[in-house]
């Protein structure tokens, strides 16, 4: 079974994928945004995420 980071990299090669972390979610879980910056494309607030993805064909919130 591949690591989730490998699956994200494979998905980026197949199509348009952006991995965005929610700043409020990170704060709620006690995770420093600097700790995840190298693994995500961007760290944004929920309103910005919703605005950015309004026209997206597929959205996945985890």
N, C-alpha and C. Protein backbone atom coordinates (compact mmCIF):
# COMPACT_ATOMS: atom_id res chain seq x y z
N UNK A 1 0.83 -1.17 0.00
CA UNK A 1 0.00 0.00 0.00
C UNK A 1 0.89 1.24 0.00
N UNK A 2 0.68 2.15 -0.97
CA UNK A 2 1.51 3.36 -1.02
C UNK A 2 1.18 4.33 0.11
N UNK A 3 2.14 5.15 0.46
CA UNK A 3 1.92 6.20 1.45
C UNK A 3 0.98 7.23 0.86
N UNK A 4 0.26 7.95 1.72
CA UNK A 4 -0.68 8.96 1.23
C UNK A 4 0.07 10.06 0.47
N UNK A 5 1.27 10.38 0.88
CA UNK A 5 2.05 11.40 0.17
C UNK A 5 2.36 10.94 -1.26
N UNK A 6 2.61 9.64 -1.43
CA UNK A 6 2.87 9.10 -2.77
C UNK A 6 1.60 9.14 -3.61
N UNK A 7 0.46 8.86 -2.99
CA UNK A 7 -0.81 8.91 -3.73
C UNK A 7 -1.11 10.33 -4.20
N UNK A 8 -0.82 11.33 -3.36
CA UNK A 8 -1.04 12.72 -3.76
C UNK A 8 -0.13 13.09 -4.92
N UNK A 9 1.13 12.68 -4.87
CA UNK A 9 2.06 12.97 -5.96
C UNK A 9 1.59 12.31 -7.26
N UNK A 10 1.13 11.06 -7.18
CA UNK A 10 0.61 10.38 -8.37
C UNK A 10 -0.60 11.10 -8.92
N UNK A 11 -1.49 11.55 -8.05
CA UNK A 11 -2.70 12.25 -8.48
C UNK A 11 -2.36 13.57 -9.17
N UNK A 12 -1.32 14.25 -8.69
CA UNK A 12 -0.91 15.51 -9.31
C UNK A 12 -0.41 15.28 -10.74
N UNK A 13 0.19 14.12 -10.99
CA UNK A 13 0.68 13.81 -12.33
C UNK A 13 -0.45 13.45 -13.27
N UNK A 14 -1.55 12.95 -12.74
CA UNK A 14 -2.68 12.51 -13.55
C UNK A 14 -3.59 13.67 -13.94
N UNK A 15 -3.79 14.58 -13.02
CA UNK A 15 -4.72 15.69 -13.29
C UNK A 15 -4.40 16.88 -12.41
N UNK A 16 -5.36 17.78 -12.38
CA UNK A 16 -5.19 19.00 -11.60
C UNK A 16 -5.58 18.74 -10.15
N UNK A 17 -4.61 18.71 -9.28
CA UNK A 17 -4.84 18.48 -7.87
C UNK A 17 -4.10 19.52 -7.06
N UNK A 18 -4.81 20.14 -6.14
CA UNK A 18 -4.18 21.06 -5.19
C UNK A 18 -4.55 20.60 -3.80
N UNK A 19 -3.59 20.49 -2.96
CA UNK A 19 -3.81 20.09 -1.58
C UNK A 19 -3.73 21.35 -0.72
N UNK A 20 -4.87 21.70 -0.12
CA UNK A 20 -4.96 22.93 0.66
C UNK A 20 -5.34 22.56 2.10
N UNK A 21 -4.57 23.07 3.05
CA UNK A 21 -4.86 22.84 4.46
C UNK A 21 -5.65 24.01 5.01
N UNK A 22 -6.64 23.72 5.83
CA UNK A 22 -7.45 24.75 6.47
C UNK A 22 -6.73 25.25 7.71
N UNK A 23 -6.48 26.54 7.76
CA UNK A 23 -5.74 27.11 8.89
C UNK A 23 -6.48 26.91 10.21
N UNK A 24 -7.80 27.04 10.21
CA UNK A 24 -8.57 26.84 11.44
C UNK A 24 -8.52 25.37 11.88
N UNK A 25 -8.57 24.46 10.92
CA UNK A 25 -8.48 23.03 11.23
C UNK A 25 -7.14 22.69 11.84
N UNK A 26 -6.08 23.27 11.29
CA UNK A 26 -4.74 23.04 11.83
C UNK A 26 -4.66 23.57 13.26
N UNK A 27 -5.19 24.77 13.47
CA UNK A 27 -5.16 25.37 14.80
C UNK A 27 -5.96 24.51 15.79
N UNK A 28 -7.11 24.03 15.37
CA UNK A 28 -7.96 23.20 16.22
C UNK A 28 -7.23 21.92 16.65
N UNK A 29 -6.46 21.35 15.71
CA UNK A 29 -5.72 20.12 16.01
C UNK A 29 -4.37 20.38 16.66
N UNK A 30 -4.02 21.65 16.85
CA UNK A 30 -2.75 21.99 17.48
C UNK A 30 -1.55 21.78 16.59
N UNK A 31 -1.76 21.88 15.27
CA UNK A 31 -0.69 21.68 14.31
C UNK A 31 -0.22 23.04 13.80
N UNK A 32 1.07 23.28 13.86
CA UNK A 32 1.64 24.52 13.36
C UNK A 32 1.61 24.51 11.83
N UNK A 33 1.11 25.58 11.23
CA UNK A 33 1.02 25.67 9.77
C UNK A 33 2.39 25.48 9.12
N UNK A 34 3.45 25.95 9.76
CA UNK A 34 4.80 25.79 9.20
C UNK A 34 5.19 24.32 9.08
N UNK A 35 4.60 23.48 9.93
CA UNK A 35 4.93 22.05 9.92
C UNK A 35 4.36 21.33 8.71
N UNK A 36 3.31 21.89 8.11
CA UNK A 36 2.67 21.22 6.97
C UNK A 36 2.92 21.91 5.64
N UNK A 37 3.53 23.09 5.66
CA UNK A 37 3.70 23.87 4.43
C UNK A 37 4.43 23.12 3.33
N UNK A 38 5.39 22.28 3.67
CA UNK A 38 6.14 21.57 2.64
C UNK A 38 5.33 20.43 2.03
N UNK A 39 4.24 20.02 2.69
CA UNK A 39 3.42 18.90 2.21
C UNK A 39 2.13 19.32 1.52
N UNK A 40 1.80 20.60 1.59
CA UNK A 40 0.57 21.09 0.96
C UNK A 40 0.91 22.21 -0.01
N UNK A 41 -0.02 22.50 -0.89
CA UNK A 41 0.20 23.59 -1.83
C UNK A 41 -0.02 24.95 -1.18
N UNK A 42 -0.94 24.97 -0.19
CA UNK A 42 -1.28 26.24 0.43
C UNK A 42 -1.99 26.00 1.75
N UNK A 43 -1.89 26.95 2.66
CA UNK A 43 -2.67 26.95 3.89
C UNK A 43 -3.57 28.17 3.82
N UNK A 44 -4.88 27.93 3.86
CA UNK A 44 -5.86 29.01 3.73
C UNK A 44 -6.95 28.88 4.77
N UNK A 45 -7.68 29.96 4.99
CA UNK A 45 -8.86 29.93 5.83
C UNK A 45 -10.03 29.32 5.07
N UNK A 46 -11.02 28.83 5.79
CA UNK A 46 -12.16 28.16 5.16
C UNK A 46 -12.89 29.04 4.15
N UNK A 47 -13.17 30.32 4.44
CA UNK A 47 -13.85 31.14 3.43
C UNK A 47 -13.07 31.22 2.11
N UNK A 48 -11.76 31.34 2.20
CA UNK A 48 -10.93 31.39 1.00
C UNK A 48 -10.97 30.06 0.25
N UNK A 49 -10.97 28.96 1.00
CA UNK A 49 -11.03 27.64 0.37
C UNK A 49 -12.35 27.47 -0.37
N UNK A 50 -13.45 27.84 0.28
CA UNK A 50 -14.77 27.71 -0.35
C UNK A 50 -14.88 28.59 -1.59
N UNK A 51 -14.35 29.79 -1.53
CA UNK A 51 -14.37 30.68 -2.68
C UNK A 51 -13.52 30.12 -3.82
N UNK A 52 -12.35 29.65 -3.48
CA UNK A 52 -11.42 29.11 -4.47
C UNK A 52 -11.98 27.87 -5.17
N UNK A 53 -12.71 27.06 -4.43
CA UNK A 53 -13.20 25.79 -4.98
C UNK A 53 -14.64 25.85 -5.46
N UNK A 54 -15.23 27.02 -5.51
CA UNK A 54 -16.64 27.16 -5.89
C UNK A 54 -16.95 26.50 -7.23
N UNK A 55 -16.05 26.59 -8.17
CA UNK A 55 -16.28 26.04 -9.51
C UNK A 55 -15.57 24.71 -9.74
N UNK A 56 -14.98 24.15 -8.70
CA UNK A 56 -14.24 22.90 -8.85
C UNK A 56 -15.19 21.75 -9.17
N UNK A 57 -14.73 20.86 -10.02
CA UNK A 57 -15.53 19.69 -10.39
C UNK A 57 -15.67 18.73 -9.21
N UNK A 58 -14.61 18.56 -8.46
CA UNK A 58 -14.61 17.65 -7.32
C UNK A 58 -13.93 18.33 -6.14
N UNK A 59 -14.54 18.18 -4.95
CA UNK A 59 -13.95 18.71 -3.71
C UNK A 59 -13.95 17.58 -2.71
N UNK A 60 -12.88 17.46 -1.94
CA UNK A 60 -12.80 16.44 -0.91
C UNK A 60 -12.31 17.11 0.36
N UNK A 61 -13.15 17.09 1.37
CA UNK A 61 -12.78 17.66 2.67
C UNK A 61 -12.49 16.52 3.61
N UNK A 62 -11.31 16.55 4.19
CA UNK A 62 -10.92 15.49 5.14
C UNK A 62 -10.65 16.14 6.48
